[in-house]
Amino acid sequence: MKKMIAIASLALLTATGAALAEGDAAKGEKVFNKCKACHQVGEGAKNKVGPVLNGVIGRKIASAEDFKYSKAFLEKAEAEPDFVWTEEAINEYLTKPKDYIKKNKMAFAGLKKDDDRADVIAYLKTFSE
């Protein structure tokens, strides 16, 4: 039993490490095209269906200025007042948003490829404060 737990733990650590590999911001900009229907980044970015993602890494959940968050996001913010969007949290969220925050309104199914998520995160990091 201990061997099985050790093997499962190692597999999880390996998978997590692969998902958080250093991404390529230039590739991430292209992948971000999938996000542009709802989100903006950069100078002059405005909230759309989703909030502006400038500075999202390190930002508290449901805290973008002048954005009306869904009940699911507000409940998560209340339940976890210290929750901050880390690279790891964004990676998990982008894998399958509906599983990460149940009943959220984001229609996007997620990014299945580890590299795509790493690249988008690298791109978002270029808009961190």
N, C-alpha and C. Protein backbone atom coordinates (compact mmCIF):
# COMPACT_ATOMS: atom_id res chain seq x y z
N MET A 1 0.83 -1.20 0.00
CA MET A 1 0.00 0.00 0.00
C MET A 1 0.87 1.26 0.00
N LYS A 2 1.93 1.26 0.82
CA LYS A 2 2.82 2.41 0.87
C LYS A 2 3.49 2.66 -0.47
N LYS A 3 3.83 1.55 -1.17
CA LYS A 3 4.44 1.68 -2.49
C LYS A 3 3.48 2.35 -3.46
N MET A 4 2.21 1.98 -3.42
CA MET A 4 1.22 2.55 -4.32
C MET A 4 1.05 4.04 -4.06
N ILE A 5 1.02 4.42 -2.79
CA ILE A 5 0.90 5.84 -2.43
C ILE A 5 2.12 6.60 -2.91
N ALA A 6 3.30 6.04 -2.71
CA ALA A 6 4.53 6.70 -3.16
C ALA A 6 4.55 6.86 -4.67
N ILE A 7 4.14 5.84 -5.40
CA ILE A 7 4.11 5.91 -6.87
C ILE A 7 3.09 6.94 -7.33
N ALA A 8 1.92 6.96 -6.72
CA ALA A 8 0.88 7.93 -7.07
C ALA A 8 1.36 9.35 -6.78
N SER A 9 2.03 9.54 -5.66
CA SER A 9 2.55 10.86 -5.30
C SER A 9 3.60 11.32 -6.29
N LEU A 10 4.49 10.43 -6.67
CA LEU A 10 5.52 10.77 -7.65
C LEU A 10 4.90 11.12 -9.00
N ALA A 11 3.90 10.37 -9.42
CA ALA A 11 3.22 10.65 -10.68
C ALA A 11 2.55 12.02 -10.64
N LEU A 12 1.92 12.35 -9.52
CA LEU A 12 1.26 13.64 -9.38
C LEU A 12 2.28 14.77 -9.43
N LEU A 13 3.38 14.62 -8.71
CA LEU A 13 4.43 15.64 -8.73
C LEU A 13 5.00 15.81 -10.13
N THR A 14 5.20 14.73 -10.84
CA THR A 14 5.72 14.80 -12.20
C THR A 14 4.74 15.52 -13.11
N ALA A 15 3.46 15.19 -13.02
CA ALA A 15 2.45 15.83 -13.85
C ALA A 15 2.35 17.31 -13.53
N THR A 16 2.39 17.65 -12.24
CA THR A 16 2.31 19.06 -11.86
C THR A 16 3.52 19.82 -12.37
N GLY A 17 4.69 19.23 -12.25
CA GLY A 17 5.90 19.88 -12.74
C GLY A 17 5.85 20.12 -14.22
N ALA A 18 5.33 19.16 -14.99
CA ALA A 18 5.23 19.32 -16.43
C ALA A 18 4.27 20.44 -16.78
N ALA A 19 3.15 20.52 -16.05
CA ALA A 19 2.15 21.53 -16.33
C ALA A 19 2.68 22.93 -16.02
N LEU A 20 3.63 23.03 -15.10
CA LEU A 20 4.14 24.33 -14.71
C LEU A 20 5.50 24.63 -15.33
N ALA A 21 5.81 23.91 -16.39
CA ALA A 21 7.06 24.19 -17.09
C ALA A 21 7.04 25.63 -17.58
N GLU A 22 8.22 26.19 -17.76
CA GLU A 22 8.32 27.57 -18.21
C GLU A 22 7.70 27.69 -19.60
N GLY A 23 6.78 28.60 -19.74
CA GLY A 23 6.08 28.79 -21.01
C GLY A 23 6.77 29.81 -21.89
N ASP A 24 6.27 29.93 -23.08
CA ASP A 24 6.77 30.87 -24.09
C ASP A 24 5.71 31.94 -24.29
N ALA A 25 6.01 33.17 -23.89
CA ALA A 25 5.04 34.26 -23.95
C ALA A 25 4.58 34.55 -25.38
N ALA A 26 5.47 34.43 -26.36
CA ALA A 26 5.08 34.68 -27.75
C ALA A 26 4.05 33.65 -28.21
N LYS A 27 4.25 32.40 -27.85
CA LYS A 27 3.27 31.36 -28.17
C LYS A 27 1.99 31.60 -27.38
N GLY A 28 2.15 32.05 -26.14
CA GLY A 28 1.00 32.33 -25.29
C GLY A 28 0.11 33.43 -25.84
N GLU A 29 0.72 34.40 -26.50
CA GLU A 29 -0.06 35.47 -27.12
C GLU A 29 -1.00 34.89 -28.18
N LYS A 30 -0.51 33.92 -28.93
CA LYS A 30 -1.34 33.26 -29.95
C LYS A 30 -2.45 32.43 -29.30
N VAL A 31 -2.10 31.69 -28.24
CA VAL A 31 -3.11 30.88 -27.55
C VAL A 31 -4.16 31.80 -26.91
N PHE A 32 -3.72 32.97 -26.45
CA PHE A 32 -4.63 33.92 -25.81
C PHE A 32 -5.73 34.39 -26.76
N ASN A 33 -5.55 34.20 -28.04
CA ASN A 33 -6.61 34.56 -29.00
C ASN A 33 -7.92 33.84 -28.65
N LYS A 34 -7.81 32.67 -28.04
CA LYS A 34 -9.00 31.93 -27.60
C LYS A 34 -9.72 32.65 -26.46
N CYS A 35 -9.01 33.50 -25.77
CA CYS A 35 -9.54 34.19 -24.58
C CYS A 35 -10.08 35.58 -24.90
N LYS A 36 -9.67 36.13 -26.05
CA LYS A 36 -9.96 37.52 -26.38
C LYS A 36 -11.44 37.85 -26.53
N ALA A 37 -12.26 36.86 -26.79
CA ALA A 37 -13.69 37.14 -26.91
C ALA A 37 -14.26 37.68 -25.60
N CYS A 38 -13.62 37.30 -24.49
CA CYS A 38 -14.14 37.67 -23.17
C CYS A 38 -13.18 38.50 -22.31
N HIS A 39 -11.89 38.43 -22.59
CA HIS A 39 -10.89 39.10 -21.75
C HIS A 39 -9.96 40.00 -22.57
N GLN A 40 -9.48 41.05 -21.93
CA GLN A 40 -8.48 41.92 -22.53
C GLN A 40 -7.28 42.04 -21.61
N VAL A 41 -6.13 42.33 -22.21
CA VAL A 41 -4.90 42.63 -21.48
C VAL A 41 -4.23 43.80 -22.18
N GLY A 42 -3.31 44.43 -21.48
CA GLY A 42 -2.53 45.50 -22.08
C GLY A 42 -3.06 46.87 -21.72
N GLU A 43 -2.36 47.87 -22.23
CA GLU A 43 -2.72 49.26 -21.97
C GLU A 43 -4.11 49.54 -22.55
N GLY A 44 -4.94 50.16 -21.76
CA GLY A 44 -6.29 50.49 -22.20
C GLY A 44 -7.27 49.33 -22.15
N ALA A 45 -6.87 48.20 -21.58
CA ALA A 45 -7.76 47.03 -21.50
C ALA A 45 -8.99 47.37 -20.67
N LYS A 46 -10.12 46.80 -21.09
CA LYS A 46 -11.38 47.03 -20.39
C LYS A 46 -12.02 45.68 -20.08
N ASN A 47 -12.86 45.69 -19.04
CA ASN A 47 -13.64 44.51 -18.72
C ASN A 47 -14.62 44.25 -19.86
N LYS A 48 -14.77 42.99 -20.19
CA LYS A 48 -15.76 42.58 -21.19
C LYS A 48 -16.69 41.60 -20.49
N VAL A 49 -16.97 40.47 -21.11
CA VAL A 49 -17.75 39.42 -20.45
C VAL A 49 -16.95 38.91 -19.24
N GLY A 50 -15.62 38.88 -19.38
CA GLY A 50 -14.72 38.52 -18.30
C GLY A 50 -13.89 39.73 -17.89
N PRO A 51 -13.25 39.66 -16.73
CA PRO A 51 -12.47 40.82 -16.26
C PRO A 51 -11.17 41.01 -17.03
N VAL A 52 -10.62 42.21 -16.94
CA VAL A 52 -9.29 42.51 -17.46
C VAL A 52 -8.30 41.59 -16.74
N LEU A 53 -7.33 41.06 -17.47
CA LEU A 53 -6.39 40.12 -16.87
C LEU A 53 -5.01 40.73 -16.62
N ASN A 54 -4.87 42.03 -16.75
CA ASN A 54 -3.62 42.68 -16.35
C ASN A 54 -3.42 42.44 -14.86
N GLY A 55 -2.24 41.98 -14.49
CA GLY A 55 -1.93 41.78 -13.08
C GLY A 55 -2.68 40.64 -12.42
N VAL A 56 -3.26 39.74 -13.20
CA VAL A 56 -4.05 38.66 -12.59
C VAL A 56 -3.19 37.75 -11.72
N ILE A 57 -1.94 37.53 -12.12
CA ILE A 57 -1.07 36.68 -11.30
C ILE A 57 -0.69 37.46 -10.04
N GLY A 58 -1.08 36.93 -8.91
CA GLY A 58 -0.86 37.59 -7.64
C GLY A 58 -2.05 38.40 -7.15
N ARG A 59 -3.11 38.44 -7.94
CA ARG A 59 -4.30 39.21 -7.58
C ARG A 59 -5.28 38.33 -6.80
N LYS A 60 -5.94 38.94 -5.83
CA LYS A 60 -6.98 38.22 -5.08
C LYS A 60 -8.13 37.89 -6.02
N ILE A 61 -8.75 36.77 -5.76
CA ILE A 61 -9.87 36.34 -6.58
C ILE A 61 -11.02 37.34 -6.49
N ALA A 62 -11.71 37.54 -7.60
CA ALA A 62 -12.90 38.40 -7.67
C ALA A 62 -12.61 39.83 -7.23
N SER A 63 -11.44 40.35 -7.64
CA SER A 63 -11.08 41.69 -7.19
C SER A 63 -10.76 42.67 -8.32
N ALA A 64 -11.00 42.30 -9.56
CA ALA A 64 -10.76 43.25 -10.66
C ALA A 64 -11.74 44.41 -10.51
N GLU A 65 -11.21 45.59 -10.66
CA GLU A 65 -12.00 46.79 -10.47
C GLU A 65 -13.15 46.88 -11.48
N ASP A 66 -14.30 47.27 -11.00
CA ASP A 66 -15.48 47.53 -11.83
C ASP A 66 -15.98 46.32 -12.62
N PHE A 67 -15.69 45.11 -12.15
CA PHE A 67 -16.21 43.93 -12.83
C PHE A 67 -17.25 43.26 -11.94
N LYS A 68 -18.37 42.87 -12.52
CA LYS A 68 -19.43 42.20 -11.77
C LYS A 68 -19.21 40.69 -11.87
N TYR A 69 -18.73 40.11 -10.78
CA TYR A 69 -18.42 38.69 -10.74
C TYR A 69 -19.66 37.84 -10.52
N SER A 70 -19.57 36.61 -10.98
CA SER A 70 -20.66 35.65 -10.77
C SER A 70 -20.74 35.28 -9.30
N LYS A 71 -21.87 34.72 -8.94
CA LYS A 71 -22.09 34.27 -7.57
C LYS A 71 -21.03 33.24 -7.17
N ALA A 72 -20.65 32.36 -8.09
CA ALA A 72 -19.66 31.31 -7.80
C ALA A 72 -18.32 31.92 -7.40
N PHE A 73 -17.88 32.95 -8.12
CA PHE A 73 -16.61 33.60 -7.79
C PHE A 73 -16.71 34.35 -6.48
N LEU A 74 -17.81 35.03 -6.25
CA LEU A 74 -17.99 35.76 -4.99
C LEU A 74 -18.02 34.82 -3.80
N GLU A 75 -18.66 33.66 -3.97
CA GLU A 75 -18.70 32.67 -2.89
C GLU A 75 -17.31 32.10 -2.61
N LYS A 76 -16.52 31.86 -3.67
CA LYS A 76 -15.16 31.36 -3.46
C LYS A 76 -14.32 32.42 -2.74
N ALA A 77 -14.48 33.68 -3.14
CA ALA A 77 -13.74 34.76 -2.48
C ALA A 77 -14.10 34.86 -1.01
N GLU A 78 -15.36 34.65 -0.70
CA GLU A 78 -15.80 34.70 0.69
C GLU A 78 -15.31 33.49 1.47
N ALA A 79 -15.36 32.32 0.85
CA ALA A 79 -14.93 31.09 1.51
C ALA A 79 -13.42 31.03 1.70
N GLU A 80 -12.69 31.64 0.77
CA GLU A 80 -11.22 31.63 0.81
C GLU A 80 -10.71 33.07 0.66
N PRO A 81 -10.82 33.88 1.70
CA PRO A 81 -10.48 35.30 1.59
C PRO A 81 -9.01 35.57 1.25
N ASP A 82 -8.14 34.59 1.47
CA ASP A 82 -6.72 34.78 1.14
C ASP A 82 -6.35 34.18 -0.21
N PHE A 83 -7.35 33.72 -0.98
CA PHE A 83 -7.06 33.11 -2.28
C PHE A 83 -6.49 34.15 -3.23
N VAL A 84 -5.35 33.80 -3.82
CA VAL A 84 -4.67 34.65 -4.79
C VAL A 84 -4.43 33.80 -6.03
N TRP A 85 -4.56 34.42 -7.19
CA TRP A 85 -4.30 33.73 -8.45
C TRP A 85 -2.80 33.54 -8.63
N THR A 86 -2.31 32.39 -8.23
CA THR A 86 -0.91 32.01 -8.48
C THR A 86 -0.84 31.36 -9.85
N GLU A 87 0.37 31.14 -10.33
CA GLU A 87 0.53 30.43 -11.60
C GLU A 87 -0.07 29.03 -11.51
N GLU A 88 0.10 28.39 -10.37
CA GLU A 88 -0.44 27.05 -10.17
C GLU A 88 -1.97 27.06 -10.20
N ALA A 89 -2.57 28.05 -9.53
CA ALA A 89 -4.03 28.13 -9.51
C ALA A 89 -4.59 28.43 -10.90
N ILE A 90 -3.93 29.33 -11.62
CA ILE A 90 -4.38 29.64 -12.99
C ILE A 90 -4.25 28.40 -13.88
N ASN A 91 -3.16 27.67 -13.71
CA ASN A 91 -2.97 26.45 -14.49
C ASN A 91 -4.11 25.47 -14.23
N GLU A 92 -4.44 25.26 -12.97
CA GLU A 92 -5.53 24.34 -12.62
C GLU A 92 -6.87 24.85 -13.17
N TYR A 93 -7.11 26.14 -13.01
CA TYR A 93 -8.36 26.73 -13.50
C TYR A 93 -8.49 26.57 -15.01
N LEU A 94 -7.42 26.88 -15.73
CA LEU A 94 -7.48 26.81 -17.19
C LEU A 94 -7.59 25.39 -17.72
N THR A 95 -7.27 24.40 -16.89
CA THR A 95 -7.41 23.01 -17.32
C THR A 95 -8.89 22.71 -17.57
N LYS A 96 -9.74 23.10 -16.64
CA LYS A 96 -11.19 22.90 -16.79
C LYS A 96 -11.89 23.83 -15.81
N PRO A 97 -12.19 25.06 -16.24
CA PRO A 97 -12.76 26.07 -15.33
C PRO A 97 -14.00 25.62 -14.56
N LYS A 98 -14.87 24.88 -15.19
CA LYS A 98 -16.12 24.45 -14.52
C LYS A 98 -15.86 23.47 -13.38
N ASP A 99 -14.75 22.75 -13.45
CA ASP A 99 -14.40 21.85 -12.35
C ASP A 99 -13.70 22.59 -11.22
N TYR A 100 -12.93 23.63 -11.57
CA TYR A 100 -12.15 24.36 -10.57
C TYR A 100 -13.04 25.23 -9.69
N ILE A 101 -13.96 25.94 -10.32
CA ILE A 101 -14.93 26.75 -9.57
C ILE A 101 -16.31 26.33 -10.08
N LYS A 102 -16.94 25.49 -9.31
CA LYS A 102 -18.25 24.95 -9.69
C LYS A 102 -19.27 26.07 -9.91
N LYS A 103 -20.09 25.90 -10.91
CA LYS A 103 -21.19 26.82 -11.24
C LYS A 103 -20.71 28.21 -11.68
N ASN A 104 -19.43 28.35 -12.08
CA ASN A 104 -19.03 29.65 -12.60
C ASN A 104 -19.60 29.80 -14.00
N LYS A 105 -19.69 31.02 -14.49
CA LYS A 105 -20.37 31.30 -15.76
C LYS A 105 -19.43 31.25 -16.97
N MET A 106 -18.15 30.99 -16.75
CA MET A 106 -17.21 30.98 -17.87
C MET A 106 -17.56 29.81 -18.79
N ALA A 107 -17.87 30.13 -20.04
CA ALA A 107 -18.30 29.11 -21.01
C ALA A 107 -17.12 28.35 -21.60
N PHE A 108 -15.92 28.86 -21.44
CA PHE A 108 -14.73 28.24 -22.03
C PHE A 108 -14.47 26.88 -21.39
N ALA A 109 -14.25 25.87 -22.23
CA ALA A 109 -14.05 24.49 -21.74
C ALA A 109 -12.69 24.28 -21.09
N GLY A 110 -11.70 25.07 -21.46
CA GLY A 110 -10.37 24.94 -20.88
C GLY A 110 -9.32 24.65 -21.94
N LEU A 111 -8.07 24.64 -21.50
CA LEU A 111 -6.94 24.34 -22.37
C LEU A 111 -6.40 22.97 -21.96
N LYS A 112 -6.53 22.01 -22.82
CA LYS A 112 -6.15 20.64 -22.49
C LYS A 112 -4.64 20.43 -22.49
N LYS A 113 -3.90 21.15 -23.32
CA LYS A 113 -2.46 20.94 -23.45
C LYS A 113 -1.68 21.71 -22.38
N ASP A 114 -0.79 20.99 -21.70
CA ASP A 114 0.06 21.60 -20.67
C ASP A 114 0.84 22.79 -21.24
N ASP A 115 1.38 22.62 -22.44
CA ASP A 115 2.18 23.68 -23.05
C ASP A 115 1.35 24.93 -23.31
N ASP A 116 0.11 24.76 -23.76
CA ASP A 116 -0.75 25.92 -24.02
C ASP A 116 -0.99 26.70 -22.74
N ARG A 117 -1.26 25.98 -21.65
CA ARG A 117 -1.49 26.66 -20.36
C ARG A 117 -0.23 27.37 -19.89
N ALA A 118 0.91 26.70 -20.00
CA ALA A 118 2.18 27.32 -19.59
C ALA A 118 2.47 28.56 -20.44
N ASP A 119 2.19 28.48 -21.73
CA ASP A 119 2.44 29.62 -22.62
C ASP A 119 1.52 30.80 -22.30
N VAL A 120 0.25 30.53 -22.04
CA VAL A 120 -0.69 31.60 -21.69
C VAL A 120 -0.28 32.25 -20.37
N ILE A 121 0.13 31.45 -19.42
CA ILE A 121 0.58 31.99 -18.14
C ILE A 121 1.82 32.86 -18.33
N ALA A 122 2.75 32.42 -19.18
CA ALA A 122 3.94 33.24 -19.49
C ALA A 122 3.52 34.55 -20.13
N TYR A 123 2.54 34.51 -21.00
CA TYR A 123 2.02 35.72 -21.64
C TYR A 123 1.38 36.64 -20.61
N LEU A 124 0.54 36.09 -19.74
CA LEU A 124 -0.09 36.90 -18.71
C LEU A 124 0.91 37.54 -17.77
N LYS A 125 2.02 36.83 -17.53
CA LYS A 125 3.07 37.38 -16.67
C LYS A 125 3.66 38.67 -17.25
N THR A 126 3.60 38.83 -18.56
CA THR A 126 4.13 40.05 -19.17
C THR A 126 3.25 41.26 -18.85
N PHE A 127 2.05 41.02 -18.30
CA PHE A 127 1.14 42.09 -17.91
C PHE A 127 1.01 42.21 -16.40
N SER A 128 1.98 41.64 -15.68
CA SER A 128 1.98 41.74 -14.22
C SER A 128 2.61 43.05 -13.81
N GLU A 129 2.17 43.53 -12.67
CA GLU A 129 2.68 44.83 -12.19
C GLU A 129 3.94 44.66 -11.40
